[in-house]
Amino acid sequence: MCGLGHGDPALQAGIRRRRRGRLPVGRPIILQELAPDVTAGVEAIDDRVDDARRAVEIIEQVLRGERATGYLEYPCQRPSGLCWFSMAVTPLAHPFGGVVITHTDVTEQRLAAQRSQQVAVVFDNAAEGIIVFDRGGCVLNINEAGQRITAF
């Protein structure tokens, strides 16, 4: 999916078609008109082909009305490392139809969830007893070792 940006061949082909007058001027480029170019461009994205195919499938399902909306999270390799994006697809309320597609960087949320899972594994498997209290002194959580030690 990372390749579907401003420099992507499929997107550029759609822009060239608009400039050559193949797409009517004065109305937005609707993804429905670009779908064949996008589908053809999927093959060029070698290591993310499955994610790209799923994205195109979701977009096409929303365009055909088979889904009310679509959502996909997919990885993207950047020079700074792996990042994650979410793609949301909603129908465009416009006489020409089409869809609105948003991509949001969800890397921080993914990393936070991963850290939370790691902490849960440490908590559950610690040999030491761990008890978590709220401000009022009520036990919120206790690991297995804590249960053995306190018989709680």
Protein backbone atom coordinates (compact mmCIF):
# COMPACT_ATOMS: atom_id res chain seq x y z
CA MET A 1 0.00 0.00 0.00
CA CYS A 2 2.85 2.40 0.61
CA GLY A 3 3.40 2.81 -3.13
CA LEU A 4 -0.01 4.35 -3.71
CA GLY A 5 1.17 7.92 -3.16
CA HIS A 6 1.68 10.99 -5.30
CA GLY A 7 4.45 9.30 -7.30
CA ASP A 8 2.51 6.06 -7.83
CA PRO A 9 2.20 5.06 -11.52
CA ALA A 10 -1.52 4.23 -11.18
CA LEU A 11 -2.31 7.60 -9.64
CA GLN A 12 -0.15 9.41 -12.19
CA ALA A 13 -1.95 7.57 -15.03
CA GLY A 14 -5.29 8.84 -13.71
CA ILE A 15 -3.94 12.38 -13.47
CA ARG A 16 -2.57 12.17 -17.06
CA ARG A 17 -5.97 10.91 -18.28
CA ARG A 18 -7.61 13.91 -16.65
CA ARG A 19 -5.10 16.31 -18.24
CA ARG A 20 -5.62 14.75 -21.69
CA GLY A 21 -9.33 15.38 -21.32
CA ARG A 22 -10.41 11.77 -20.89
CA LEU A 23 -11.98 12.66 -17.56
CA PRO A 24 -14.50 15.51 -17.55
CA VAL A 25 -13.10 18.73 -16.13
CA GLY A 26 -15.05 20.47 -13.40
CA ARG A 27 -15.80 17.42 -11.30
CA PRO A 28 -13.65 15.43 -8.91
CA ILE A 29 -11.65 12.41 -10.00
CA ILE A 30 -13.76 9.57 -8.68
CA LEU A 31 -11.93 6.40 -7.66
CA GLN A 32 -14.44 4.38 -9.66
CA GLU A 33 -12.90 5.91 -12.78
CA LEU A 34 -9.36 5.11 -11.56
CA ALA A 35 -10.08 1.58 -10.29
CA PRO A 36 -8.59 -0.22 -13.35
CA ASP A 37 -5.39 1.82 -13.04
CA VAL A 38 -5.19 1.20 -9.30
CA THR A 39 -5.80 -2.52 -9.77
CA ALA A 40 -3.08 -2.69 -12.44
CA GLY A 41 -0.71 -0.77 -10.16
CA VAL A 42 -1.15 -3.32 -7.39
CA GLU A 43 1.23 -5.74 -9.13
CA ALA A 44 4.07 -3.21 -8.88
CA ILE A 45 4.00 -3.25 -5.09
CA ASP A 46 5.90 -6.48 -4.60
CA ASP A 47 6.26 -6.99 -0.83
CA ARG A 48 2.85 -5.52 0.04
CA VAL A 49 0.76 -7.10 -2.72
CA ASP A 50 -1.62 -8.88 -0.33
CA ASP A 51 -2.32 -5.67 1.61
CA ALA A 52 -2.78 -3.74 -1.63
CA ARG A 53 -5.15 -6.36 -3.02
CA ARG A 54 -7.20 -6.33 0.19
CA ALA A 55 -7.35 -2.53 0.04
CA VAL A 56 -8.51 -2.55 -3.58
CA GLU A 57 -11.07 -5.26 -2.77
CA ILE A 58 -12.48 -3.20 0.11
CA ILE A 59 -12.62 -0.06 -2.03
CA GLU A 60 -14.39 -1.91 -4.85
CA GLN A 61 -16.89 -3.50 -2.42
CA VAL A 62 -17.82 -0.07 -1.04
CA LEU A 63 -18.06 1.33 -4.60
CA ARG A 64 -20.44 -1.51 -5.57
CA GLY A 65 -22.51 -1.03 -2.40
CA GLU A 66 -21.65 -4.50 -1.05
CA ARG A 67 -20.25 -2.91 2.14
CA ALA A 68 -21.45 0.19 3.92
CA THR A 69 -17.87 1.17 4.81
CA GLY A 70 -14.42 -0.40 4.77
CA TYR A 71 -11.44 -0.46 7.13
CA LEU A 72 -7.96 -1.95 6.89
CA GLU A 73 -4.75 -1.60 8.87
CA TYR A 74 -1.57 -2.25 6.91
CA PRO A 75 2.19 -2.00 7.50
CA CYS A 76 4.48 0.32 5.57
CA GLN A 77 8.28 0.22 5.51
CA ARG A 78 9.89 3.66 5.77
CA PRO A 79 13.60 4.47 5.95
CA SER A 80 13.04 5.19 9.66
CA GLY A 81 11.46 1.76 10.22
CA LEU A 82 8.15 -0.04 10.07
CA CYS A 83 5.01 2.02 10.52
CA TRP A 84 1.29 1.24 10.37
CA PHE A 85 -1.60 3.00 8.65
CA SER A 86 -5.33 2.54 8.74
CA MET A 87 -7.44 3.01 5.63
CA ALA A 88 -11.09 3.97 6.04
CA VAL A 89 -13.41 3.91 3.01
CA THR A 90 -16.82 5.57 3.03
CA PRO A 91 -19.23 6.19 0.16
CA LEU A 92 -19.11 9.68 -1.31
CA ALA A 93 -22.51 11.39 -1.03
CA HIS A 94 -22.26 12.89 -4.50
CA PRO A 95 -24.38 12.49 -7.65
CA PHE A 96 -21.36 10.93 -9.41
CA GLY A 97 -20.87 8.38 -6.62
CA GLY A 98 -17.39 7.30 -5.57
CA VAL A 99 -15.74 6.95 -2.19
CA VAL A 100 -13.77 8.97 0.31
CA ILE A 101 -10.57 7.21 1.41
CA THR A 102 -8.58 8.34 4.43
CA HIS A 103 -5.23 6.99 5.57
CA THR A 104 -4.19 7.58 9.17
CA ASP A 105 -0.84 6.81 10.76
CA VAL A 106 -1.64 4.42 13.63
CA THR A 107 1.96 3.47 14.42
CA GLU A 108 1.87 4.94 17.94
CA GLN A 109 -1.36 3.11 18.76
CA ARG A 110 0.11 -0.15 17.44
CA LEU A 111 3.30 0.32 19.47
CA ALA A 112 1.30 1.15 22.61
CA ALA A 113 -0.83 -1.99 22.17
CA GLN A 114 2.33 -4.05 21.65
CA ARG A 115 3.91 -2.61 24.82
CA SER A 116 0.70 -3.26 26.73
CA GLN A 117 0.74 -6.91 25.62
CA GLN A 118 4.38 -7.24 26.68
CA VAL A 119 3.62 -5.78 30.11
CA ALA A 120 0.68 -8.20 30.48
CA VAL A 121 2.96 -11.16 29.71
CA VAL A 122 5.52 -9.97 32.28
CA PHE A 123 2.76 -9.35 34.86
CA ASP A 124 1.20 -12.78 34.32
CA ASN A 125 4.51 -14.70 34.36
CA ALA A 126 6.47 -12.86 37.08
CA ALA A 127 7.79 -15.05 39.90
CA GLU A 128 7.17 -12.14 42.29
CA GLY A 129 3.71 -11.32 43.51
CA ILE A 130 2.27 -8.20 41.91
CA ILE A 131 -0.87 -6.56 43.21
CA VAL A 132 -2.38 -3.44 41.65
CA PHE A 133 -4.53 -1.21 43.88
CA ASP A 134 -6.69 1.77 43.07
CA ARG A 135 -6.46 4.99 45.14
CA GLY A 136 -9.09 3.70 47.52
CA GLY A 137 -7.09 0.58 48.33
CA CYS A 138 -9.23 -1.83 46.34
CA VAL A 139 -7.41 -4.56 44.43
CA LEU A 140 -7.65 -3.99 40.70
CA ASN A 141 -5.46 -6.88 39.59
CA ILE A 142 -3.26 -9.56 41.08
CA ASN A 143 -0.98 -11.98 39.28
CA GLU A 144 -0.78 -15.72 39.95
CA ALA A 145 2.31 -15.42 42.18
CA GLY A 146 0.54 -12.73 44.21
CA GLN A 147 -2.43 -15.04 44.66
CA ARG A 148 -0.20 -17.86 45.91
CA ILE A 149 1.65 -15.59 48.35
CA THR A 150 -1.41 -13.86 49.78
CA ALA A 151 -3.99 -16.63 49.29
CA PHE A 152 -6.15 -13.85 47.85
